[in-house]
Amino acid sequence: MRDFKNDFSWSISRDSLFRECKRKYYYNYYGSWGGWERDKADKVTRTLYVLKALQNIHMWKGSTVHWEIERVLKQLVSTGRLTPKDKSAQRVTELMREQFRSSREGAYWDKQGSLKNEIALFEHEYKINTPNETWKRNYDDVIVCLRNFYNSEVLGRINKLPKKSVISIESMTAASLSFSPEIIFVKLDLAVKSGEGIEIVDWKTGKAQSDELQFRVYTLFANEEYDLPPDEITVSEINLMSNETYNHTYSPRELIEAQDYINKSIENMKCMLTDPEENTAVMTDFPRTENERICESCKFKKICFDLA
């Protein structure tokens, strides 16, 4: 698997990490490469790879809710049967208990292969004093999100629509969009036909806030992938904690602005590489942030200052 090539690509999350801390970006996309081979990777590479998998308690809430919604929707579309709400809550409860125990024991350090589906919690790795009430509140929030999902207008509509109207559920797509020579990764929580157009649904599980760049990227993708004009593409931002929905549509000018931003972001990333064609990088070319607050919550902090 060492011969598996580390090709360059662009995504919202990659751009966000690049802006947050260049060294953290290097660890995540270059320093950790190959670390999935536990018995072959050197100690630093393996450590960076495992730390890369860490997520904090709030991210765990979001990933759990998305995981369960994906299961419920895929079963509904494939079989026509909707998982009962109580069964869904029970499944999530059992899953979170097992994930909590596994993370607390540090089992993720001993796993071979990809850690993509492994839960490794920042609070456990760094022994953060987290009260039981905080863990319980996080679990309760997951149940609230699922309850609001089951009561949502979107789910009720999907349950009545022809199943062929559902275009995509939690799909990660490597897209070749016309305005960029680079692969752009897009992950849609849900996409359904809506009249003559398409509705893209984005589930949120935290504080209510719009991510305009993310939604414009979704619209750019749908514009090319499904050959639809922008005014026939709606992004529905559904906050499952606050139980609020915000609908977004974008003009051609706003999409051009997003294209320009993406191309500039790619340019900034690639100019720091030693060989842009081969996507190779040297750690010392990627400076650490000077923002101590970012360092304090960084998943790589236990190794970062031990390296050059």
Protein backbone atom coordinates (compact mmCIF):
# COMPACT_ATOMS: atom_id res chain seq x y z
CA MET A 1 0.00 0.00 0.00
CA ARG A 2 3.02 2.31 0.25
CA ASP A 3 2.87 2.67 -3.53
CA PHE A 4 -0.59 4.22 -3.26
CA LYS A 5 -0.02 7.72 -4.66
CA ASN A 6 -0.73 10.83 -2.64
CA ASP A 7 -2.45 12.87 -5.34
CA PHE A 8 -3.38 16.49 -4.81
CA SER A 9 -7.05 17.39 -4.49
CA TRP A 10 -9.09 20.26 -3.07
CA SER A 11 -11.93 20.24 -0.58
CA ILE A 12 -13.62 22.60 1.86
CA SER A 13 -11.99 20.85 4.82
CA ARG A 14 -8.54 20.99 3.20
CA ASP A 15 -8.90 24.71 2.57
CA SER A 16 -10.04 25.29 6.15
CA LEU A 17 -7.06 23.41 7.59
CA PHE A 18 -4.63 25.26 5.33
CA ARG A 19 -5.94 28.59 6.58
CA GLU A 20 -5.90 27.45 10.22
CA CYS A 21 -2.29 26.26 10.46
CA LYS A 22 0.16 25.39 7.69
CA ARG A 23 2.05 22.87 9.85
CA LYS A 24 -1.18 21.13 10.87
CA TYR A 25 -2.10 20.99 7.19
CA TYR A 26 1.26 19.33 6.41
CA TYR A 27 0.83 16.73 9.17
CA ASN A 28 -2.69 15.89 8.00
CA TYR A 29 -2.06 15.55 4.25
CA TYR A 30 1.65 14.71 3.96
CA GLY A 31 3.35 13.76 7.22
CA SER A 32 0.76 11.10 8.07
CA TRP A 33 0.80 9.52 4.60
CA GLY A 34 1.39 5.77 4.77
CA GLY A 35 0.73 5.59 8.51
CA TRP A 36 -2.08 3.09 8.05
CA GLU A 37 0.58 0.37 7.75
CA ARG A 38 1.13 0.00 11.48
CA ASP A 39 3.98 -2.50 11.21
CA LYS A 40 5.82 -0.73 8.38
CA ALA A 41 5.44 3.01 8.95
CA ASP A 42 8.12 4.80 10.98
CA LYS A 43 7.15 6.02 14.45
CA VAL A 44 6.56 9.65 13.48
CA THR A 45 4.42 8.79 10.45
CA ARG A 46 2.37 6.29 12.44
CA THR A 47 1.87 8.75 15.28
CA LEU A 48 0.73 11.52 12.93
CA TYR A 49 -1.64 9.12 11.19
CA VAL A 50 -3.30 8.06 14.45
CA LEU A 51 -3.53 11.61 15.77
CA LYS A 52 -5.08 12.66 12.46
CA ALA A 53 -8.05 10.40 13.30
CA LEU A 54 -8.85 12.22 16.55
CA GLN A 55 -12.11 14.07 16.84
CA ASN A 56 -13.45 16.04 19.76
CA ILE A 57 -16.71 15.43 21.56
CA HIS A 58 -18.67 17.84 19.34
CA MET A 59 -17.34 16.29 16.14
CA TRP A 60 -18.30 12.87 17.54
CA LYS A 61 -21.86 14.10 17.97
CA GLY A 62 -21.97 15.25 14.37
CA SER A 63 -20.44 12.10 12.90
CA THR A 64 -22.81 9.89 14.92
CA VAL A 65 -25.90 11.77 13.77
CA HIS A 66 -24.74 11.71 10.13
CA TRP A 67 -23.94 8.00 10.36
CA GLU A 68 -27.38 7.10 11.66
CA ILE A 69 -29.26 9.35 9.23
CA GLU A 70 -27.32 7.77 6.38
CA ARG A 71 -28.34 4.27 7.53
CA VAL A 72 -31.98 5.26 7.95
CA LEU A 73 -32.22 6.96 4.55
CA LYS A 74 -30.40 4.24 2.64
CA GLN A 75 -32.66 1.58 4.12
CA LEU A 76 -35.73 3.67 3.35
CA VAL A 77 -34.71 4.15 -0.28
CA SER A 78 -33.61 0.55 -0.86
CA THR A 79 -36.44 -1.26 0.96
CA GLY A 80 -39.22 1.29 1.37
CA ARG A 81 -39.14 0.69 5.14
CA LEU A 82 -38.45 3.45 7.65
CA THR A 83 -36.52 2.35 10.74
CA PRO A 84 -38.69 3.08 13.81
CA LYS A 85 -37.47 6.08 15.79
CA ASP A 86 -37.01 4.07 19.00
CA LYS A 87 -34.94 1.44 17.21
CA SER A 88 -32.77 4.14 15.70
CA ALA A 89 -32.18 5.70 19.12
CA GLN A 90 -31.34 2.29 20.61
CA ARG A 91 -28.84 1.56 17.83
CA VAL A 92 -27.10 4.88 18.38
CA THR A 93 -27.02 4.38 22.14
CA GLU A 94 -25.30 1.01 21.79
CA LEU A 95 -22.91 2.36 19.19
CA MET A 96 -21.85 5.35 21.30
CA ARG A 97 -21.31 3.19 24.38
CA GLU A 98 -19.03 0.86 22.45
CA GLN A 99 -17.18 3.71 20.77
CA PHE A 100 -16.68 5.47 24.10
CA ARG A 101 -15.20 2.34 25.71
CA SER A 102 -12.95 1.65 22.73
CA SER A 103 -11.68 5.23 22.61
CA ARG A 104 -11.11 5.41 26.38
CA GLU A 105 -8.97 2.27 26.15
CA GLY A 106 -6.94 3.76 23.29
CA ALA A 107 -7.76 0.80 21.04
CA TYR A 108 -7.23 2.97 17.96
CA TRP A 109 -3.45 2.81 18.48
CA ASP A 110 -3.45 -0.94 17.85
CA LYS A 111 -5.60 -0.98 14.72
CA GLN A 112 -4.09 -2.04 11.41
CA GLY A 113 -5.22 -0.42 8.21
CA SER A 114 -7.50 2.58 7.83
CA LEU A 115 -8.89 4.33 10.91
CA LYS A 116 -11.68 5.90 8.87
CA ASN A 117 -14.47 4.23 10.86
CA GLU A 118 -12.65 4.16 14.20
CA ILE A 119 -13.63 6.61 16.95
CA ALA A 120 -10.62 8.18 18.64
CA LEU A 121 -11.59 11.02 20.95
CA PHE A 122 -9.37 14.03 21.63
CA GLU A 123 -10.59 14.15 25.24
CA HIS A 124 -9.36 10.59 25.85
CA GLU A 125 -6.03 10.90 24.04
CA TYR A 126 -5.10 14.07 25.91
CA LYS A 127 -6.79 13.05 29.17
CA ILE A 128 -8.98 16.13 29.25
CA ASN A 129 -10.99 16.32 32.45
CA THR A 130 -14.48 15.97 30.99
CA PRO A 131 -17.35 15.69 33.52
CA ASN A 132 -19.82 12.86 33.13
CA GLU A 133 -22.51 15.49 32.71
CA THR A 134 -20.76 16.76 29.56
CA TRP A 135 -20.65 13.28 28.02
CA LYS A 136 -24.32 12.77 28.94
CA ARG A 137 -25.31 16.14 27.45
CA ASN A 138 -23.51 15.26 24.22
CA TYR A 139 -25.42 11.98 24.01
CA ASP A 140 -28.71 13.77 24.75
CA ASP A 141 -27.95 16.21 21.93
CA VAL A 142 -27.54 13.28 19.52
CA ILE A 143 -30.97 11.98 20.50
CA VAL A 144 -32.48 15.46 20.07
CA CYS A 145 -30.97 15.68 16.58
CA LEU A 146 -32.37 12.29 15.62
CA ARG A 147 -35.79 13.18 16.99
CA ASN A 148 -35.84 16.37 14.94
CA PHE A 149 -34.70 14.43 11.88
CA TYR A 150 -37.60 11.98 12.27
CA ASN A 151 -40.02 14.89 12.63
CA SER A 152 -38.54 16.83 9.71
CA GLU A 153 -40.48 17.85 6.65
CA VAL A 154 -37.69 16.48 4.47
CA LEU A 155 -37.97 12.94 5.81
CA GLY A 156 -41.75 13.01 5.50
CA ARG A 157 -41.41 14.15 1.91
CA ILE A 158 -38.82 11.50 1.02
CA ASN A 159 -41.04 8.83 2.51
CA LYS A 160 -43.74 9.80 0.00
CA LEU A 161 -41.56 10.46 -3.06
CA PRO A 162 -40.69 7.85 -5.68
CA LYS A 163 -37.38 6.44 -4.51
CA LYS A 164 -35.74 7.36 -7.83
CA SER A 165 -36.16 10.98 -6.76
CA VAL A 166 -33.34 10.49 -4.24
CA ILE A 167 -30.15 11.23 -6.16
CA SER A 168 -27.48 10.95 -3.49
CA ILE A 169 -27.10 10.03 0.20
CA GLU A 170 -23.85 10.87 2.03
CA SER A 171 -21.79 10.43 -1.13
CA MET A 172 -18.18 11.60 -1.38
CA THR A 173 -17.48 12.51 -5.00
CA ALA A 174 -14.18 13.30 -6.67
CA ALA A 175 -15.35 15.87 -9.19
CA SER A 176 -13.57 17.28 -12.23
CA LEU A 177 -15.18 20.68 -12.57
CA SER A 178 -14.60 22.72 -15.69
CA PHE A 179 -13.07 25.77 -14.04
CA SER A 180 -10.25 23.87 -12.30
CA PRO A 181 -7.63 21.37 -13.48
CA GLU A 182 -7.59 19.77 -10.02
CA ILE A 183 -9.89 17.16 -8.53
CA ILE A 184 -12.37 18.71 -6.12
CA PHE A 185 -13.95 16.54 -3.45
CA VAL A 186 -17.61 17.18 -2.67
CA LYS A 187 -19.68 15.35 -0.08
CA LEU A 188 -23.45 15.80 -0.19
CA ASP A 189 -25.46 14.71 2.84
CA LEU A 190 -28.55 14.31 0.66
CA ALA A 191 -29.67 15.36 -2.80
CA VAL A 192 -33.24 14.93 -4.07
CA LYS A 193 -35.16 16.01 -7.15
CA SER A 194 -37.37 19.00 -6.45
CA GLY A 195 -39.73 19.99 -9.25
CA GLU A 196 -37.56 20.70 -12.29
CA GLY A 197 -34.50 21.22 -10.11
CA ILE A 198 -32.61 19.68 -7.23
CA GLU A 199 -32.49 20.21 -3.47
CA ILE A 200 -29.24 19.55 -1.62
CA VAL A 201 -29.74 18.97 2.11
CA ASP A 202 -26.96 19.67 4.60
CA TRP A 203 -27.51 18.47 8.17
CA LYS A 204 -26.01 20.62 10.92
CA THR A 205 -25.69 19.48 14.53
CA GLY A 206 -23.98 22.46 16.17
CA LYS A 207 -24.60 26.16 16.49
CA ALA A 208 -26.66 27.66 13.71
CA GLN A 209 -24.25 29.12 11.19
CA SER A 210 -24.15 29.12 7.43
CA ASP A 211 -21.10 28.03 5.49
CA GLU A 212 -21.57 30.01 2.31
CA LEU A 213 -18.44 28.72 0.56
CA GLN A 214 -19.43 25.12 1.24
CA PHE A 215 -22.92 25.70 -0.12
CA ARG A 216 -21.62 27.50 -3.19
CA VAL A 217 -19.33 24.53 -3.89
CA TYR A 218 -22.34 22.21 -3.64
CA THR A 219 -24.16 24.42 -6.13
CA LEU A 220 -21.17 24.50 -8.49
CA PHE A 221 -21.04 20.71 -8.41
CA ALA A 222 -24.78 20.29 -9.05
CA ASN A 223 -24.65 22.92 -11.81
CA GLU A 224 -22.16 20.79 -13.78
CA GLU A 225 -22.98 17.27 -12.62
CA TYR A 226 -26.73 17.55 -13.27
CA ASP A 227 -26.61 20.29 -15.93
CA LEU A 228 -28.92 22.59 -14.01
CA PRO A 229 -28.95 26.40 -13.90
CA PRO A 230 -28.16 27.90 -10.47
CA ASP A 231 -31.72 29.10 -9.89
CA GLU A 232 -32.93 25.48 -10.00
CA ILE A 233 -30.51 24.37 -7.27
CA THR A 234 -31.43 24.92 -3.61
CA VAL A 235 -29.22 24.13 -0.63
CA SER A 236 -31.32 23.45 2.46
CA GLU A 237 -29.32 23.91 5.65
CA ILE A 238 -31.17 21.98 8.36
CA ASN A 239 -29.94 22.54 11.89
CA LEU A 240 -31.09 19.52 13.83
CA MET A 241 -30.22 21.02 17.22
CA SER A 242 -32.18 24.24 16.82
CA ASN A 243 -34.73 22.60 14.49
CA GLU A 244 -34.39 25.42 11.98
CA THR A 245 -34.09 25.36 8.19
CA TYR A 246 -32.40 27.92 5.97
CA ASN A 247 -32.64 27.77 2.18
CA HIS A 248 -29.84 29.08 -0.02
CA THR A 249 -29.66 29.80 -3.74
CA TYR A 250 -26.78 31.48 -5.56
CA SER A 251 -26.45 33.72 -8.57
CA PRO A 252 -24.00 33.09 -11.42
CA ARG A 253 -21.86 35.95 -10.08
CA GLU A 254 -21.64 34.34 -6.63
CA LEU A 255 -20.60 31.05 -8.21
CA ILE A 256 -17.87 32.77 -10.21
CA GLU A 257 -16.60 34.28 -6.96
CA ALA A 258 -16.46 30.77 -5.48
CA GLN A 259 -14.57 29.49 -8.52
CA ASP A 260 -12.03 32.29 -8.18
CA TYR A 261 -11.61 31.53 -4.48
CA ILE A 262 -11.03 27.82 -5.11
CA ASN A 263 -8.46 28.46 -7.83
CA LYS A 264 -6.60 30.92 -5.59
CA SER A 265 -6.72 28.47 -2.68
CA ILE A 266 -5.26 25.72 -4.88
CA GLU A 267 -2.55 28.07 -6.09
CA ASN A 268 -1.60 28.98 -2.51
CA MET A 269 -1.43 25.32 -1.47
CA LYS A 270 0.62 24.18 -4.45
CA CYS A 271 3.13 27.03 -4.27
CA MET A 272 4.33 25.60 -0.94
CA LEU A 273 5.13 22.20 -2.45
CA THR A 274 8.65 21.17 -3.43
CA ASP A 275 7.24 19.46 -6.53
CA PRO A 276 3.65 20.43 -7.38
CA GLU A 277 3.44 17.82 -10.15
CA GLU A 278 4.35 15.00 -7.77
CA ASN A 279 2.58 16.59 -4.80
CA THR A 280 5.62 16.35 -2.53
CA ALA A 281 6.27 18.58 0.46
CA VAL A 282 8.91 19.31 3.11
CA MET A 283 7.69 19.88 6.67
CA THR A 284 9.87 22.92 7.39
CA ASP A 285 8.26 24.80 4.50
CA PHE A 286 5.00 24.80 6.48
CA PRO A 287 5.22 27.17 9.47
CA ARG A 288 3.31 26.66 12.71
CA THR A 289 0.54 29.07 13.59
CA GLU A 290 1.30 31.70 16.21
CA ASN A 291 -2.22 31.43 17.62
CA GLU A 292 -1.84 29.55 20.92
CA ARG A 293 -5.57 28.87 21.12
CA ILE A 294 -5.35 26.83 17.93
CA CYS A 295 -2.37 24.93 19.34
CA GLU A 296 -4.23 24.10 22.54
CA SER A 297 -7.02 22.31 20.71
CA CYS A 298 -4.81 20.79 17.98
CA LYS A 299 -4.87 17.01 17.63
CA PHE A 300 -1.15 16.99 16.76
CA LYS A 301 0.06 18.98 19.76
CA LYS A 302 1.67 16.02 21.56
CA ILE A 303 4.22 15.59 18.76
CA CYS A 304 4.33 18.94 16.96
CA PHE A 305 7.06 20.66 18.99
CA ASP A 306 9.19 17.51 19.14
CA LEU A 307 9.67 17.83 15.38
CA ALA A 308 11.92 20.34 13.62
